[in-house]
PDB file of all heavy atoms in Angstrom:
ATOM      1  N   LYS A   1       8.953 -14.593  13.927  1.00  0.00           N
ATOM      2  CA  LYS A   1       9.812 -13.611  13.277  1.00  0.00           C
ATOM      3  C   LYS A   1       8.897 -12.737  12.433  1.00  0.00           C
ATOM      4  O   LYS A   1       7.974 -13.236  11.788  1.00  0.00           O
ATOM      5  CB  LYS A   1      10.858 -14.285  12.380  1.00  0.00           C
ATOM      6  CG  LYS A   1      11.879 -15.132  13.119  1.00  0.00           C
ATOM      7  CD  LYS A   1      12.856 -15.787  12.150  1.00  0.00           C
ATOM      8  CE  LYS A   1      13.895 -16.618  12.881  1.00  0.00           C
ATOM      9  NZ  LYS A   1      14.835 -17.285  11.927  1.00  0.00           N
ATOM     10  N   PHE A   2       9.156 -11.446  12.438  1.00  0.00           N
ATOM     11  CA  PHE A   2       8.279 -10.513  11.748  1.00  0.00           C
ATOM     12  C   PHE A   2       9.113  -9.459  11.039  1.00  0.00           C
ATOM     13  O   PHE A   2      10.032  -8.895  11.639  1.00  0.00           O
ATOM     14  CB  PHE A   2       7.347  -9.841  12.761  1.00  0.00           C
ATOM     15  CG  PHE A   2       6.121  -9.229  12.161  1.00  0.00           C
ATOM     16  CD1 PHE A   2       4.907  -9.883  12.220  1.00  0.00           C
ATOM     17  CD2 PHE A   2       6.185  -7.989  11.547  1.00  0.00           C
ATOM     18  CE1 PHE A   2       3.762  -9.311  11.670  1.00  0.00           C
ATOM     19  CE2 PHE A   2       5.062  -7.412  10.995  1.00  0.00           C
ATOM     20  CZ  PHE A   2       3.842  -8.074  11.061  1.00  0.00           C
ATOM     21  N   LYS A   3       8.789  -9.226   9.766  1.00  0.00           N
ATOM     22  CA  LYS A   3       9.493  -8.214   8.980  1.00  0.00           C
ATOM     23  C   LYS A   3       8.486  -7.552   8.049  1.00  0.00           C
ATOM     24  O   LYS A   3       8.186  -8.054   6.977  1.00  0.00           O
ATOM     25  CB  LYS A   3      10.631  -8.848   8.165  1.00  0.00           C
ATOM     26  CG  LYS A   3      11.449  -7.851   7.354  1.00  0.00           C
ATOM     27  CD  LYS A   3      12.562  -8.558   6.573  1.00  0.00           C
ATOM     28  CE  LYS A   3      13.367  -7.578   5.748  1.00  0.00           C
ATOM     29  NZ  LYS A   3      14.447  -8.252   4.966  1.00  0.00           N
ATOM     30  N   ARG A   4       7.938  -6.429   8.525  1.00  0.00           N
ATOM     31  CA  ARG A   4       6.917  -5.721   7.755  1.00  0.00           C
ATOM     32  C   ARG A   4       5.750  -6.657   7.446  1.00  0.00           C
ATOM     33  O   ARG A   4       5.119  -7.166   8.331  1.00  0.00           O
ATOM     34  CB  ARG A   4       7.515  -5.106   6.494  1.00  0.00           C
ATOM     35  CG  ARG A   4       8.606  -4.098   6.785  1.00  0.00           C
ATOM     36  CD  ARG A   4       8.092  -2.906   7.572  1.00  0.00           C
ATOM     37  NE  ARG A   4       9.138  -1.941   7.868  1.00  0.00           N
ATOM     38  CZ  ARG A   4       8.923  -0.811   8.517  1.00  0.00           C
ATOM     39  NH1 ARG A   4       7.717  -0.513   8.942  1.00  0.00           N
ATOM     40  NH2 ARG A   4       9.922   0.010   8.765  1.00  0.00           N
ATOM     41  N   ASN A   5       5.474  -6.931   6.163  1.00  0.00           N
ATOM     42  CA  ASN A   5       4.370  -7.822   5.841  1.00  0.00           C
ATOM     43  C   ASN A   5       4.820  -9.276   5.717  1.00  0.00           C
ATOM     44  O   ASN A   5       4.075 -10.127   5.230  1.00  0.00           O
ATOM     45  CB  ASN A   5       3.688  -7.382   4.536  1.00  0.00           C
ATOM     46  CG  ASN A   5       4.631  -7.454   3.343  1.00  0.00           C
ATOM     47  OD1 ASN A   5       5.852  -7.436   3.511  1.00  0.00           O
ATOM     48  ND2 ASN A   5       4.069  -7.531   2.145  1.00  0.00           N
ATOM     49  N   LYS A   6       6.023  -9.581   6.145  1.00  0.00           N
ATOM     50  CA  LYS A   6       6.537 -10.951   6.138  1.00  0.00           C
ATOM     51  C   LYS A   6       6.584 -11.465   7.570  1.00  0.00           C
ATOM     52  O   LYS A   6       6.905 -10.718   8.492  1.00  0.00           O
ATOM     53  CB  LYS A   6       7.941 -11.006   5.520  1.00  0.00           C
ATOM     54  CG  LYS A   6       8.040 -10.478   4.100  1.00  0.00           C
ATOM     55  CD  LYS A   6       9.487 -10.506   3.634  1.00  0.00           C
ATOM     56  CE  LYS A   6       9.619 -10.041   2.190  1.00  0.00           C
ATOM     57  NZ  LYS A   6       9.222  -8.631   1.998  1.00  0.00           N
ATOM     58  N   TYR A   7       6.256 -12.732   7.732  1.00  0.00           N
ATOM     59  CA  TYR A   7       6.314 -13.286   9.079  1.00  0.00           C
ATOM     60  C   TYR A   7       6.468 -14.804   9.042  1.00  0.00           C
ATOM     61  O   TYR A   7       6.189 -15.459   8.031  1.00  0.00           O
ATOM     62  CB  TYR A   7       5.063 -12.916   9.891  1.00  0.00           C
ATOM     63  CG  TYR A   7       3.744 -13.238   9.229  1.00  0.00           C
ATOM     64  CD1 TYR A   7       3.174 -14.507   9.320  1.00  0.00           C
ATOM     65  CD2 TYR A   7       3.047 -12.253   8.521  1.00  0.00           C
ATOM     66  CE1 TYR A   7       1.959 -14.791   8.726  1.00  0.00           C
ATOM     67  CE2 TYR A   7       1.831 -12.528   7.922  1.00  0.00           C
ATOM     68  CZ  TYR A   7       1.284 -13.799   8.036  1.00  0.00           C
ATOM     69  OH  TYR A   7       0.081 -14.077   7.447  1.00  0.00           O
ATOM     70  N   ARG A   8       6.916 -15.335  10.163  1.00  0.00           N
ATOM     71  CA  ARG A   8       7.037 -16.778  10.333  1.00  0.00           C
ATOM     72  C   ARG A   8       6.671 -17.103  11.777  1.00  0.00           C
ATOM     73  O   ARG A   8       7.296 -16.584  12.715  1.00  0.00           O
ATOM     74  CB  ARG A   8       8.457 -17.254  10.032  1.00  0.00           C
ATOM     75  CG  ARG A   8       8.630 -18.755  10.204  1.00  0.00           C
ATOM     76  CD  ARG A   8      10.060 -19.214   9.976  1.00  0.00           C
ATOM     77  NE  ARG A   8      10.132 -20.666  10.087  1.00  0.00           N
ATOM     78  CZ  ARG A   8      10.377 -21.494   9.092  1.00  0.00           C
ATOM     79  NH1 ARG A   8      10.637 -21.009   7.901  1.00  0.00           N
ATOM     80  NH2 ARG A   8      10.389 -22.800   9.278  1.00  0.00           N
ATOM     81  N   VAL A   9       5.652 -17.928  11.947  1.00  0.00           N
ATOM     82  CA  VAL A   9       5.200 -18.355  13.260  1.00  0.00           C
ATOM     83  C   VAL A   9       5.434 -19.852  13.373  1.00  0.00           C
ATOM     84  O   VAL A   9       4.960 -20.625  12.532  1.00  0.00           O
ATOM     85  CB  VAL A   9       3.705 -18.040  13.468  1.00  0.00           C
ATOM     86  CG1 VAL A   9       3.253 -18.488  14.855  1.00  0.00           C
ATOM     87  CG2 VAL A   9       3.435 -16.555  13.277  1.00  0.00           C
ATOM     88  N   ASP A  10       6.167 -20.283  14.405  1.00  0.00           N
ATOM     89  CA  ASP A  10       6.516 -21.691  14.563  1.00  0.00           C
ATOM     90  C   ASP A  10       6.007 -22.249  15.885  1.00  0.00           C
ATOM     91  O   ASP A  10       6.336 -21.723  16.960  1.00  0.00           O
ATOM     92  CB  ASP A  10       8.043 -21.878  14.509  1.00  0.00           C
ATOM     93  CG  ASP A  10       8.606 -21.641  13.115  1.00  0.00           C
ATOM     94  OD1 ASP A  10       8.199 -22.347  12.181  1.00  0.00           O
ATOM     95  OD2 ASP A  10       9.448 -20.733  12.973  1.00  0.00           O
ATOM     96  N   PHE A  11       5.184 -23.311  15.791  1.00  0.00           N
ATOM     97  CA  PHE A  11       4.840 -24.143  16.925  1.00  0.00           C
ATOM     98  C   PHE A  11       5.621 -25.446  16.796  1.00  0.00           C
ATOM     99  O   PHE A  11       6.314 -25.677  15.796  1.00  0.00           O
ATOM    100  CB  PHE A  11       3.333 -24.453  16.930  1.00  0.00           C
ATOM    101  CG  PHE A  11       2.466 -23.274  17.245  1.00  0.00           C
ATOM    102  CD1 PHE A  11       1.569 -22.784  16.303  1.00  0.00           C
ATOM    103  CD2 PHE A  11       2.521 -22.668  18.485  1.00  0.00           C
ATOM    104  CE1 PHE A  11       0.749 -21.709  16.591  1.00  0.00           C
ATOM    105  CE2 PHE A  11       1.707 -21.586  18.787  1.00  0.00           C
ATOM    106  CZ  PHE A  11       0.820 -21.104  17.843  1.00  0.00           C
ATOM    107  N   THR A  12       5.493 -26.311  17.785  1.00  0.00           N
ATOM    108  CA  THR A  12       6.197 -27.592  17.703  1.00  0.00           C
ATOM    109  C   THR A  12       5.639 -28.460  16.587  1.00  0.00           C
ATOM    110  O   THR A  12       6.368 -29.267  16.004  1.00  0.00           O
ATOM    111  CB  THR A  12       6.090 -28.352  19.033  1.00  0.00           C
ATOM    112  OG1 THR A  12       4.704 -28.504  19.382  1.00  0.00           O
ATOM    113  CG2 THR A  12       6.812 -27.596  20.145  1.00  0.00           C
ATOM    114  N   ASP A  13       4.356 -28.301  16.251  1.00  0.00           N
ATOM    115  CA  ASP A  13       3.716 -29.193  15.281  1.00  0.00           C
ATOM    116  C   ASP A  13       3.423 -28.552  13.934  1.00  0.00           C
ATOM    117  O   ASP A  13       3.055 -29.247  12.983  1.00  0.00           O
ATOM    118  CB  ASP A  13       2.423 -29.757  15.859  1.00  0.00           C
ATOM    119  CG  ASP A  13       1.421 -28.671  16.230  1.00  0.00           C
ATOM    120  OD1 ASP A  13       1.838 -27.502  16.367  1.00  0.00           O
ATOM    121  OD2 ASP A  13       0.227 -28.984  16.380  1.00  0.00           O
ATOM    122  N   GLN A  14       3.561 -27.244  13.822  1.00  0.00           N
ATOM    123  CA  GLN A  14       3.235 -26.587  12.559  1.00  0.00           C
ATOM    124  C   GLN A  14       3.839 -25.198  12.486  1.00  0.00           C
ATOM    125  O   GLN A  14       4.283 -24.641  13.492  1.00  0.00           O
ATOM    126  CB  GLN A  14       1.724 -26.511  12.362  1.00  0.00           C
ATOM    127  CG  GLN A  14       0.991 -25.794  13.462  1.00  0.00           C
ATOM    128  CD  GLN A  14      -0.500 -25.976  13.347  1.00  0.00           C
ATOM    129  OE1 GLN A  14      -1.118 -25.474  12.411  1.00  0.00           O
ATOM    130  NE2 GLN A  14      -1.085 -26.693  14.281  1.00  0.00           N
ATOM    131  N   SER A  15       3.843 -24.658  11.259  1.00  0.00           N
ATOM    132  CA  SER A  15       4.395 -23.327  11.023  1.00  0.00           C
ATOM    133  C   SER A  15       3.515 -22.594  10.020  1.00  0.00           C
ATOM    134  O   SER A  15       2.870 -23.215   9.170  1.00  0.00           O
ATOM    135  CB  SER A  15       5.822 -23.410  10.456  1.00  0.00           C
ATOM    136  OG  SER A  15       6.694 -24.055  11.347  1.00  0.00           O
ATOM    137  N   LEU A  16       3.498 -21.282  10.123  1.00  0.00           N
ATOM    138  CA  LEU A  16       2.852 -20.431   9.137  1.00  0.00           C
ATOM    139  C   LEU A  16       3.904 -19.449   8.651  1.00  0.00           C
ATOM    140  O   LEU A  16       4.499 -18.715   9.451  1.00  0.00           O
ATOM    141  CB  LEU A  16       1.676 -19.675   9.751  1.00  0.00           C
ATOM    142  CG  LEU A  16       0.790 -18.916   8.761  1.00  0.00           C
ATOM    143  CD1 LEU A  16      -0.004 -19.889   7.919  1.00  0.00           C
ATOM    144  CD2 LEU A  16      -0.152 -17.979   9.498  1.00  0.00           C
ATOM    145  N   ILE A  17       4.161 -19.443   7.328  1.00  0.00           N
ATOM    146  CA  ILE A  17       5.230 -18.642   6.745  1.00  0.00           C
ATOM    147  C   ILE A  17       4.638 -17.772   5.651  1.00  0.00           C
ATOM    148  O   ILE A  17       3.893 -18.260   4.790  1.00  0.00           O
ATOM    149  CB  ILE A  17       6.333 -19.556   6.166  1.00  0.00           C
ATOM    150  CG1 ILE A  17       6.854 -20.509   7.250  1.00  0.00           C
ATOM    151  CG2 ILE A  17       7.476 -18.725   5.590  1.00  0.00           C
ATOM    152  CD1 ILE A  17       7.693 -21.647   6.703  1.00  0.00           C
ATOM    153  N   CYS A  18       4.970 -16.488   5.659  1.00  0.00           N
ATOM    154  CA  CYS A  18       4.429 -15.570   4.659  1.00  0.00           C
ATOM    155  C   CYS A  18       5.515 -14.626   4.170  1.00  0.00           C
ATOM    156  O   CYS A  18       6.243 -14.040   4.972  1.00  0.00           O
ATOM    157  CB  CYS A  18       3.277 -14.762   5.263  1.00  0.00           C
ATOM    158  SG  CYS A  18       2.588 -13.527   4.137  1.00  0.00           S
ATOM    159  N   ASP A  19       5.617 -14.483   2.854  1.00  0.00           N
ATOM    160  CA  ASP A  19       6.601 -13.573   2.263  1.00  0.00           C
ATOM    161  C   ASP A  19       5.969 -12.292   1.731  1.00  0.00           C
ATOM    162  O   ASP A  19       6.598 -11.523   1.010  1.00  0.00           O
ATOM    163  CB  ASP A  19       7.377 -14.268   1.139  1.00  0.00           C
ATOM    164  CG  ASP A  19       6.509 -14.586  -0.068  1.00  0.00           C
ATOM    165  OD1 ASP A  19       5.269 -14.389  -0.007  1.00  0.00           O
ATOM    166  OD2 ASP A  19       7.066 -15.037  -1.096  1.00  0.00           O
ATOM    167  N   GLY A  20       4.709 -12.053   2.102  1.00  0.00           N
ATOM    168  CA  GLY A  20       4.011 -10.870   1.625  1.00  0.00           C
ATOM    169  C   GLY A  20       3.181 -11.118   0.390  1.00  0.00           C
ATOM    170  O   GLY A  20       2.338 -10.295   0.024  1.00  0.00           O
ATOM    171  N   LYS A  21       3.397 -12.256  -0.288  1.00  0.00           N
ATOM    172  CA  LYS A  21       2.626 -12.625  -1.470  1.00  0.00           C
ATOM    173  C   LYS A  21       1.982 -14.008  -1.322  1.00  0.00           C
ATOM    174  O   LYS A  21       0.881 -14.239  -1.801  1.00  0.00           O
ATOM    175  CB  LYS A  21       3.524 -12.624  -2.716  1.00  0.00           C
ATOM    176  CG  LYS A  21       4.102 -11.255  -3.061  1.00  0.00           C
ATOM    177  CD  LYS A  21       4.998 -11.339  -4.292  1.00  0.00           C
ATOM    178  CE  LYS A  21       5.566  -9.982  -4.645  1.00  0.00           C
ATOM    179  NZ  LYS A  21       6.451 -10.049  -5.836  1.00  0.00           N
ATOM    180  N   THR A  22       2.697 -14.909  -0.674  1.00  0.00           N
ATOM    181  CA  THR A  22       2.264 -16.296  -0.530  1.00  0.00           C
ATOM    182  C   THR A  22       2.331 -16.713   0.932  1.00  0.00           C
ATOM    183  O   THR A  22       3.219 -16.271   1.669  1.00  0.00           O
ATOM    184  CB  THR A  22       3.166 -17.228  -1.364  1.00  0.00           C
ATOM    185  OG1 THR A  22       3.136 -16.789  -2.731  1.00  0.00           O
ATOM    186  CG2 THR A  22       2.695 -18.671  -1.283  1.00  0.00           C
ATOM    187  N   ILE A  23       1.389 -17.564   1.346  1.00  0.00           N
ATOM    188  CA  ILE A  23       1.394 -18.123   2.693  1.00  0.00           C
ATOM    189  C   ILE A  23       1.542 -19.632   2.598  1.00  0.00           C
ATOM    190  O   ILE A  23       0.835 -20.300   1.831  1.00  0.00           O
ATOM    191  CB  ILE A  23       0.110 -17.783   3.460  1.00  0.00           C
ATOM    192  CG1 ILE A  23      -0.011 -16.271   3.671  1.00  0.00           C
ATOM    193  CG2 ILE A  23       0.079 -18.494   4.813  1.00  0.00           C
ATOM    194  CD1 ILE A  23      -1.278 -15.858   4.366  1.00  0.00           C
ATOM    195  N   TRP A  24       2.477 -20.176   3.377  1.00  0.00           N
ATOM    196  CA  TRP A  24       2.677 -21.620   3.481  1.00  0.00           C
ATOM    197  C   TRP A  24       2.280 -22.064   4.883  1.00  0.00           C
ATOM    198  O   TRP A  24       2.824 -21.568   5.872  1.00  0.00           O
ATOM    199  CB  TRP A  24       4.139 -21.984   3.236  1.00  0.00           C
ATOM    200  CG  TRP A  24       4.643 -21.705   1.861  1.00  0.00           C
ATOM    201  CD1 TRP A  24       4.677 -22.565   0.801  1.00  0.00           C
ATOM    202  CD2 TRP A  24       5.236 -20.487   1.392  1.00  0.00           C
ATOM    203  NE1 TRP A  24       5.244 -21.956  -0.296  1.00  0.00           N
ATOM    204  CE2 TRP A  24       5.593 -20.669   0.039  1.00  0.00           C
ATOM    205  CE3 TRP A  24       5.494 -19.246   1.996  1.00  0.00           C
ATOM    206  CZ2 TRP A  24       6.198 -19.684  -0.722  1.00  0.00           C
ATOM    207  CZ3 TRP A  24       6.086 -18.247   1.250  1.00  0.00           C
ATOM    208  CH2 TRP A  24       6.434 -18.466  -0.098  1.00  0.00           C
TER     209      TRP A  24
END
């Protein structure tokens, strides 16, 4: 999922989530 500088990438084993300020 992508929204400007925000994104969420999901694999079966992990995810990368960003709100434009912080990355999890």
